[in-house]
Amino acid sequence: MTAEPAPTFNELCERVRQTRHAHGAAIRARGAAEDKVKELEAAEKAAAEAESDAMYALEDFIDRETAVTPQGE
């Protein structure tokens, strides 16, 4: 059984370059994901507000349509 030769200086430098590149890409991807989460949270909030507004409008409509009016009006 023979041991693998130790990596050369250039091989180690290349490994550092590659891992630094991968690390930078991971940081950028995380930032993009965090931005997307914020965007989705804002969309969810807007949708919840729109749903609430629509429900109040429906309740108001039902109240108006079912309101008892005095006879002769």
C-alpha atoms as a PDB file:
ATOM      1  CA  MET A   1       0.000   0.000   0.000  1.00  0.00           C
ATOM      2  CA  THR A   2       1.452   3.336  -1.012  1.00  0.00           C
ATOM      3  CA  ALA A   3       0.524   6.664   0.492  1.00  0.00           C
ATOM      4  CA  GLU A   4      -0.813   9.383  -1.729  1.00  0.00           C
ATOM      5  CA  PRO A   5       1.754  12.070  -2.431  1.00  0.00           C
ATOM      6  CA  ALA A   6       1.326  15.320  -0.550  1.00  0.00           C
ATOM      7  CA  PRO A   7      -0.386  18.033  -2.597  1.00  0.00           C
ATOM      8  CA  THR A   8       1.847  20.589  -4.228  1.00  0.00           C
ATOM      9  CA  PHE A   9       1.818  24.278  -3.430  1.00  0.00           C
ATOM     10  CA  ASN A  10      -0.077  25.016  -6.651  1.00  0.00           C
ATOM     11  CA  GLU A  11      -2.659  22.313  -5.886  1.00  0.00           C
ATOM     12  CA  LEU A  12      -3.224  23.750  -2.429  1.00  0.00           C
ATOM     13  CA  CYS A  13      -3.555  27.271  -3.870  1.00  0.00           C
ATOM     14  CA  GLU A  14      -6.108  25.990  -6.393  1.00  0.00           C
ATOM     15  CA  ARG A  15      -8.065  24.255  -3.629  1.00  0.00           C
ATOM     16  CA  VAL A  16      -8.138  27.512  -1.634  1.00  0.00           C
ATOM     17  CA  ARG A  17      -9.306  29.422  -4.731  1.00  0.00           C
ATOM     18  CA  GLN A  18     -12.081  26.914  -5.418  1.00  0.00           C
ATOM     19  CA  THR A  19     -13.310  26.782  -1.841  1.00  0.00           C
ATOM     20  CA  ARG A  20     -13.202  30.589  -1.568  1.00  0.00           C
ATOM     21  CA  HIS A  21     -15.269  30.796  -4.749  1.00  0.00           C
ATOM     22  CA  ALA A  22     -17.759  28.243  -3.397  1.00  0.00           C
ATOM     23  CA  HIS A  23     -17.966  30.097  -0.091  1.00  0.00           C
ATOM     24  CA  GLY A  24     -18.674  33.393  -1.870  1.00  0.00           C
ATOM     25  CA  ALA A  25     -21.338  31.734  -3.995  1.00  0.00           C
ATOM     26  CA  ALA A  26     -22.972  30.293  -0.876  1.00  0.00           C
ATOM     27  CA  ILE A  27     -23.028  33.719   0.777  1.00  0.00           C
ATOM     28  CA  ARG A  28     -24.615  35.276  -2.318  1.00  0.00           C
ATOM     29  CA  ALA A  29     -27.185  32.477  -2.500  1.00  0.00           C
ATOM     30  CA  ARG A  30     -28.058  32.973   1.154  1.00  0.00           C
ATOM     31  CA  GLY A  31     -28.529  36.700   0.581  1.00  0.00           C
ATOM     32  CA  ALA A  32     -30.768  36.020  -2.398  1.00  0.00           C
ATOM     33  CA  ALA A  33     -32.783  33.509  -0.372  1.00  0.00           C
ATOM     34  CA  GLU A  34     -33.201  35.979   2.493  1.00  0.00           C
ATOM     35  CA  ASP A  35     -34.374  38.619   0.012  1.00  0.00           C
ATOM     36  CA  LYS A  36     -36.872  36.145  -1.452  1.00  0.00           C
ATOM     37  CA  VAL A  37     -38.171  35.274   2.028  1.00  0.00           C
ATOM     38  CA  LYS A  38     -38.742  38.981   2.723  1.00  0.00           C
ATOM     39  CA  GLU A  39     -40.514  39.329  -0.622  1.00  0.00           C
ATOM     40  CA  LEU A  40     -42.747  36.330   0.119  1.00  0.00           C
ATOM     41  CA  GLU A  41     -43.523  37.588   3.629  1.00  0.00           C
ATOM     42  CA  ALA A  42     -44.574  40.953   2.167  1.00  0.00           C
ATOM     43  CA  ALA A  43     -46.765  39.206  -0.418  1.00  0.00           C
ATOM     44  CA  GLU A  44     -48.330  37.057   2.303  1.00  0.00           C
ATOM     45  CA  LYS A  45     -49.073  40.150   4.406  1.00  0.00           C
ATOM     46  CA  ALA A  46     -50.613  41.958   1.433  1.00  0.00           C
ATOM     47  CA  ALA A  47     -52.751  38.925   0.599  1.00  0.00           C
ATOM     48  CA  ALA A  48     -53.936  38.625   4.208  1.00  0.00           C
ATOM     49  CA  GLU A  49     -54.878  42.323   4.249  1.00  0.00           C
ATOM     50  CA  ALA A  50     -56.724  41.982   0.931  1.00  0.00           C
ATOM     51  CA  GLU A  51     -58.583  38.926   2.249  1.00  0.00           C
ATOM     52  CA  SER A  52     -59.578  40.814   5.395  1.00  0.00           C
ATOM     53  CA  ASP A  53     -60.775  43.804   3.363  1.00  0.00           C
ATOM     54  CA  ALA A  54     -62.820  41.512   1.103  1.00  0.00           C
ATOM     55  CA  MET A  55     -64.404  39.768   4.089  1.00  0.00           C
ATOM     56  CA  TYR A  56     -65.390  43.113   5.652  1.00  0.00           C
ATOM     57  CA  ALA A  57     -66.853  44.255   2.332  1.00  0.00           C
ATOM     58  CA  LEU A  58     -68.857  41.017   2.091  1.00  0.00           C
ATOM     59  CA  GLU A  59     -70.116  41.391   5.654  1.00  0.00           C
ATOM     60  CA  ASP A  60     -71.135  44.994   4.957  1.00  0.00           C
ATOM     61  CA  PHE A  61     -72.955  43.897   1.787  1.00  0.00           C
ATOM     62  CA  ILE A  62     -74.816  41.144   3.643  1.00  0.00           C
ATOM     63  CA  ASP A  63     -75.742  43.565   6.426  1.00  0.00           C
ATOM     64  CA  ARG A  64     -77.132  46.076   3.908  1.00  0.00           C
ATOM     65  CA  GLU A  65     -79.041  43.434   1.968  1.00  0.00           C
ATOM     66  CA  THR A  66     -80.568  41.840   5.037  1.00  0.00           C
ATOM     67  CA  ALA A  67     -81.288  45.037   6.973  1.00  0.00           C
ATOM     68  CA  VAL A  68     -84.881  45.306   8.095  1.00  0.00           C
ATOM     69  CA  THR A  69     -86.470  48.493   6.798  1.00  0.00           C
ATOM     70  CA  PRO A  70     -89.659  49.922   8.245  1.00  0.00           C
ATOM     71  CA  GLN A  71     -92.838  49.370   6.219  1.00  0.00           C
ATOM     72  CA  GLY A  72     -93.692  52.101   3.749  1.00  0.00           C
ATOM     73  CA  GLU A  73     -90.148  53.181   2.968  1.00  0.00           C
END
